[in-house]
Amino acid sequence: MIIRVRVIPNAAHSEVMGRVGSIVRVRVAAEAVDGEANDELMEFLAEFFGVKEKYVSILRGEKGKEKTIQIEGRPDHELEEIMDAIP
């Protein structure tokens, strides 16, 4: 499954804030320096979707705040159920 994510770095803790249209807003507890926010984002999304971190990858936007993320490791209908639960 491919999702679009808007990353907000330097948060107190990592969390999904919600969705704005098809974009998922995620706060990460890391600075946007040397890829730390990307690493935290991939680790957090893997835990959130219940997959191993190797199944989460950034397809586009590695240096920007809006990213295109691919999530694998579970059937698409299970991933879509998790996405639908995000307000």
N, C-alpha and C. Protein backbone atom coordinates (compact mmCIF):
# COMPACT_ATOMS: atom_id res chain seq x y z
N MET A 1 0.85 -1.18 0.00
CA MET A 1 0.00 0.00 0.00
C MET A 1 0.89 1.23 0.00
N ILE A 2 0.49 2.22 -0.73
CA ILE A 2 1.25 3.47 -0.81
C ILE A 2 0.41 4.58 -0.17
N ILE A 3 1.05 5.33 0.75
CA ILE A 3 0.37 6.42 1.42
C ILE A 3 1.21 7.69 1.31
N ARG A 4 0.55 8.83 1.47
CA ARG A 4 1.25 10.11 1.52
C ARG A 4 1.25 10.58 2.96
N VAL A 5 2.40 11.07 3.41
CA VAL A 5 2.58 11.47 4.80
C VAL A 5 3.15 12.87 4.86
N ARG A 6 2.62 13.66 5.78
CA ARG A 6 3.18 14.99 6.09
C ARG A 6 3.85 14.85 7.45
N VAL A 7 5.16 15.05 7.50
CA VAL A 7 5.94 14.83 8.72
C VAL A 7 6.15 16.15 9.45
N ILE A 8 5.94 16.11 10.76
CA ILE A 8 6.18 17.26 11.62
C ILE A 8 7.24 16.83 12.64
N PRO A 9 8.49 17.27 12.46
CA PRO A 9 9.58 16.84 13.35
C PRO A 9 9.58 17.58 14.68
N ASN A 10 10.47 17.16 15.57
CA ASN A 10 10.72 17.79 16.88
C ASN A 10 9.54 17.71 17.83
N ALA A 11 8.75 16.65 17.77
CA ALA A 11 7.62 16.48 18.68
C ALA A 11 8.11 15.84 19.98
N ALA A 12 7.29 15.95 21.02
CA ALA A 12 7.62 15.31 22.30
C ALA A 12 7.59 13.79 22.17
N HIS A 13 6.66 13.28 21.37
CA HIS A 13 6.58 11.84 21.10
C HIS A 13 5.98 11.63 19.72
N SER A 14 6.24 10.49 19.13
CA SER A 14 5.73 10.21 17.79
C SER A 14 4.27 9.79 17.86
N GLU A 15 3.47 10.34 16.94
CA GLU A 15 2.05 10.01 16.92
C GLU A 15 1.44 10.38 15.57
N VAL A 16 0.34 9.69 15.24
CA VAL A 16 -0.45 10.06 14.07
C VAL A 16 -1.44 11.11 14.54
N MET A 17 -1.43 12.27 13.88
CA MET A 17 -2.32 13.36 14.28
C MET A 17 -3.67 13.27 13.59
N GLY A 18 -3.72 12.63 12.45
CA GLY A 18 -4.98 12.54 11.71
C GLY A 18 -4.70 12.61 10.22
N ARG A 19 -5.78 12.78 9.47
CA ARG A 19 -5.65 12.88 8.02
C ARG A 19 -6.27 14.16 7.53
N VAL A 20 -5.67 14.70 6.49
CA VAL A 20 -6.23 15.83 5.77
C VAL A 20 -6.36 15.33 4.34
N GLY A 21 -7.57 14.96 3.97
CA GLY A 21 -7.78 14.33 2.67
C GLY A 21 -7.10 12.97 2.66
N SER A 22 -6.19 12.77 1.72
CA SER A 22 -5.49 11.50 1.62
C SER A 22 -4.11 11.55 2.29
N ILE A 23 -3.76 12.68 2.90
CA ILE A 23 -2.44 12.82 3.52
C ILE A 23 -2.54 12.56 5.02
N VAL A 24 -1.69 11.66 5.50
CA VAL A 24 -1.64 11.34 6.93
C VAL A 24 -0.63 12.28 7.57
N ARG A 25 -1.04 12.94 8.64
CA ARG A 25 -0.13 13.85 9.37
C ARG A 25 0.46 13.10 10.55
N VAL A 26 1.81 13.09 10.61
CA VAL A 26 2.52 12.35 11.66
C VAL A 26 3.55 13.25 12.32
N ARG A 27 3.49 13.29 13.66
CA ARG A 27 4.54 13.96 14.43
C ARG A 27 5.60 12.92 14.77
N VAL A 28 6.87 13.31 14.66
CA VAL A 28 7.94 12.39 15.04
C VAL A 28 8.84 13.02 16.08
N ALA A 29 9.31 12.18 16.99
CA ALA A 29 10.16 12.63 18.09
C ALA A 29 11.62 12.57 17.67
N ALA A 30 11.95 13.32 16.63
CA ALA A 30 13.32 13.40 16.15
C ALA A 30 13.47 14.69 15.36
N GLU A 31 14.70 15.16 15.29
CA GLU A 31 14.97 16.37 14.52
C GLU A 31 15.14 16.02 13.05
N ALA A 32 14.89 16.99 12.20
CA ALA A 32 15.07 16.80 10.76
C ALA A 32 16.52 17.05 10.37
N VAL A 33 17.43 16.28 10.99
CA VAL A 33 18.86 16.43 10.76
C VAL A 33 19.45 15.05 10.47
N ASP A 34 20.24 14.95 9.41
CA ASP A 34 20.93 13.70 9.07
C ASP A 34 20.00 12.50 8.95
N GLY A 35 18.80 12.71 8.49
CA GLY A 35 17.86 11.61 8.29
C GLY A 35 17.25 11.03 9.55
N GLU A 36 17.44 11.69 10.69
CA GLU A 36 16.90 11.18 11.96
C GLU A 36 15.37 11.13 11.93
N ALA A 37 14.73 12.15 11.39
CA ALA A 37 13.27 12.17 11.34
C ALA A 37 12.75 11.06 10.42
N ASN A 38 13.44 10.82 9.31
CA ASN A 38 13.04 9.73 8.40
C ASN A 38 13.15 8.38 9.09
N ASP A 39 14.24 8.17 9.81
CA ASP A 39 14.44 6.90 10.52
C ASP A 39 13.33 6.70 11.56
N GLU A 40 13.04 7.74 12.32
CA GLU A 40 11.99 7.66 13.34
C GLU A 40 10.63 7.43 12.69
N LEU A 41 10.38 8.11 11.57
CA LEU A 41 9.11 7.94 10.86
C LEU A 41 8.93 6.49 10.41
N MET A 42 9.95 5.90 9.79
CA MET A 42 9.83 4.53 9.31
C MET A 42 9.66 3.55 10.46
N GLU A 43 10.37 3.77 11.55
CA GLU A 43 10.23 2.91 12.72
C GLU A 43 8.82 3.04 13.31
N PHE A 44 8.34 4.27 13.42
CA PHE A 44 7.00 4.49 13.98
C PHE A 44 5.91 3.89 13.09
N LEU A 45 5.99 4.13 11.78
CA LEU A 45 4.97 3.59 10.87
C LEU A 45 4.97 2.06 10.86
N ALA A 46 6.14 1.46 10.97
CA ALA A 46 6.21 -0.01 11.04
C ALA A 46 5.46 -0.51 12.26
N GLU A 47 5.67 0.14 13.40
CA GLU A 47 4.97 -0.24 14.62
C GLU A 47 3.47 0.04 14.50
N PHE A 48 3.12 1.19 13.95
CA PHE A 48 1.72 1.58 13.81
C PHE A 48 0.93 0.60 12.94
N PHE A 49 1.54 0.17 11.83
CA PHE A 49 0.86 -0.74 10.91
C PHE A 49 1.12 -2.21 11.24
N GLY A 50 1.94 -2.49 12.23
CA GLY A 50 2.19 -3.86 12.65
C GLY A 50 3.00 -4.67 11.67
N VAL A 51 4.01 -4.03 11.07
CA VAL A 51 4.90 -4.73 10.14
C VAL A 51 6.34 -4.51 10.58
N LYS A 52 7.25 -5.28 10.01
CA LYS A 52 8.67 -5.07 10.30
C LYS A 52 9.15 -3.82 9.58
N GLU A 53 10.15 -3.18 10.16
CA GLU A 53 10.63 -1.92 9.60
C GLU A 53 11.14 -2.06 8.17
N LYS A 54 11.62 -3.23 7.80
CA LYS A 54 12.13 -3.43 6.44
C LYS A 54 11.02 -3.36 5.39
N TYR A 55 9.75 -3.43 5.82
CA TYR A 55 8.63 -3.36 4.90
C TYR A 55 8.09 -1.93 4.72
N VAL A 56 8.75 -0.96 5.32
CA VAL A 56 8.35 0.45 5.19
C VAL A 56 9.48 1.17 4.46
N SER A 57 9.15 1.82 3.36
CA SER A 57 10.18 2.53 2.61
C SER A 57 9.66 3.85 2.07
N ILE A 58 10.56 4.79 1.93
CA ILE A 58 10.24 6.11 1.38
C ILE A 58 10.46 6.05 -0.13
N LEU A 59 9.40 6.28 -0.89
CA LEU A 59 9.52 6.27 -2.35
C LEU A 59 9.90 7.65 -2.89
N ARG A 60 9.30 8.70 -2.31
CA ARG A 60 9.56 10.07 -2.74
C ARG A 60 9.52 11.00 -1.54
N GLY A 61 10.31 12.07 -1.62
CA GLY A 61 10.24 13.11 -0.60
C GLY A 61 11.17 12.91 0.57
N GLU A 62 12.26 12.22 0.37
CA GLU A 62 13.17 11.92 1.47
C GLU A 62 13.68 13.18 2.17
N LYS A 63 13.83 14.26 1.45
CA LYS A 63 14.35 15.49 2.05
C LYS A 63 13.27 16.52 2.37
N GLY A 64 12.02 16.24 1.98
CA GLY A 64 10.93 17.19 2.23
C GLY A 64 10.03 16.73 3.36
N LYS A 65 9.05 17.56 3.68
CA LYS A 65 8.10 17.23 4.74
C LYS A 65 6.99 16.31 4.25
N GLU A 66 6.66 16.38 2.96
CA GLU A 66 5.64 15.49 2.41
C GLU A 66 6.35 14.33 1.72
N LYS A 67 5.96 13.12 2.11
CA LYS A 67 6.63 11.93 1.62
C LYS A 67 5.62 10.94 1.07
N THR A 68 6.06 10.14 0.13
CA THR A 68 5.27 9.02 -0.36
C THR A 68 5.91 7.77 0.22
N ILE A 69 5.12 7.02 0.98
CA ILE A 69 5.62 5.86 1.72
C ILE A 69 4.96 4.59 1.19
N GLN A 70 5.77 3.54 1.04
CA GLN A 70 5.22 2.23 0.68
C GLN A 70 5.28 1.33 1.91
N ILE A 71 4.14 0.69 2.20
CA ILE A 71 4.05 -0.22 3.34
C ILE A 71 3.65 -1.59 2.81
N GLU A 72 4.43 -2.59 3.17
CA GLU A 72 4.17 -3.97 2.76
C GLU A 72 4.20 -4.84 4.01
N GLY A 73 4.08 -6.14 3.83
CA GLY A 73 4.23 -7.04 4.96
C GLY A 73 2.92 -7.53 5.56
N ARG A 74 1.80 -6.98 5.12
CA ARG A 74 0.46 -7.41 5.52
C ARG A 74 -0.44 -7.30 4.30
N PRO A 75 -1.54 -8.05 4.28
CA PRO A 75 -2.48 -7.90 3.16
C PRO A 75 -3.02 -6.47 3.09
N ASP A 76 -3.25 -6.01 1.86
CA ASP A 76 -3.73 -4.64 1.66
C ASP A 76 -5.01 -4.34 2.41
N HIS A 77 -5.93 -5.28 2.50
CA HIS A 77 -7.20 -4.99 3.19
C HIS A 77 -6.96 -4.73 4.68
N GLU A 78 -5.96 -5.36 5.29
CA GLU A 78 -5.65 -5.09 6.71
C GLU A 78 -5.04 -3.71 6.86
N LEU A 79 -4.15 -3.34 5.95
CA LEU A 79 -3.53 -2.01 5.99
C LEU A 79 -4.58 -0.94 5.77
N GLU A 80 -5.53 -1.18 4.86
CA GLU A 80 -6.58 -0.21 4.59
C GLU A 80 -7.50 -0.04 5.80
N GLU A 81 -7.75 -1.11 6.55
CA GLU A 81 -8.56 -1.01 7.76
C GLU A 81 -7.88 -0.11 8.78
N ILE A 82 -6.56 -0.24 8.91
CA ILE A 82 -5.81 0.61 9.83
C ILE A 82 -5.89 2.06 9.37
N MET A 83 -5.74 2.30 8.05
CA MET A 83 -5.84 3.64 7.52
C MET A 83 -7.22 4.24 7.77
N ASP A 84 -8.26 3.43 7.57
CA ASP A 84 -9.64 3.92 7.76
C ASP A 84 -9.91 4.31 9.20
N ALA A 85 -9.16 3.75 10.15
CA ALA A 85 -9.36 4.06 11.56
C ALA A 85 -8.75 5.41 11.96
N ILE A 86 -7.94 5.98 11.09
CA ILE A 86 -7.32 7.29 11.37
C ILE A 86 -8.37 8.37 11.11
N PRO A 87 -8.66 9.20 12.12
CA PRO A 87 -9.67 10.26 11.92
C PRO A 87 -9.21 11.35 10.97
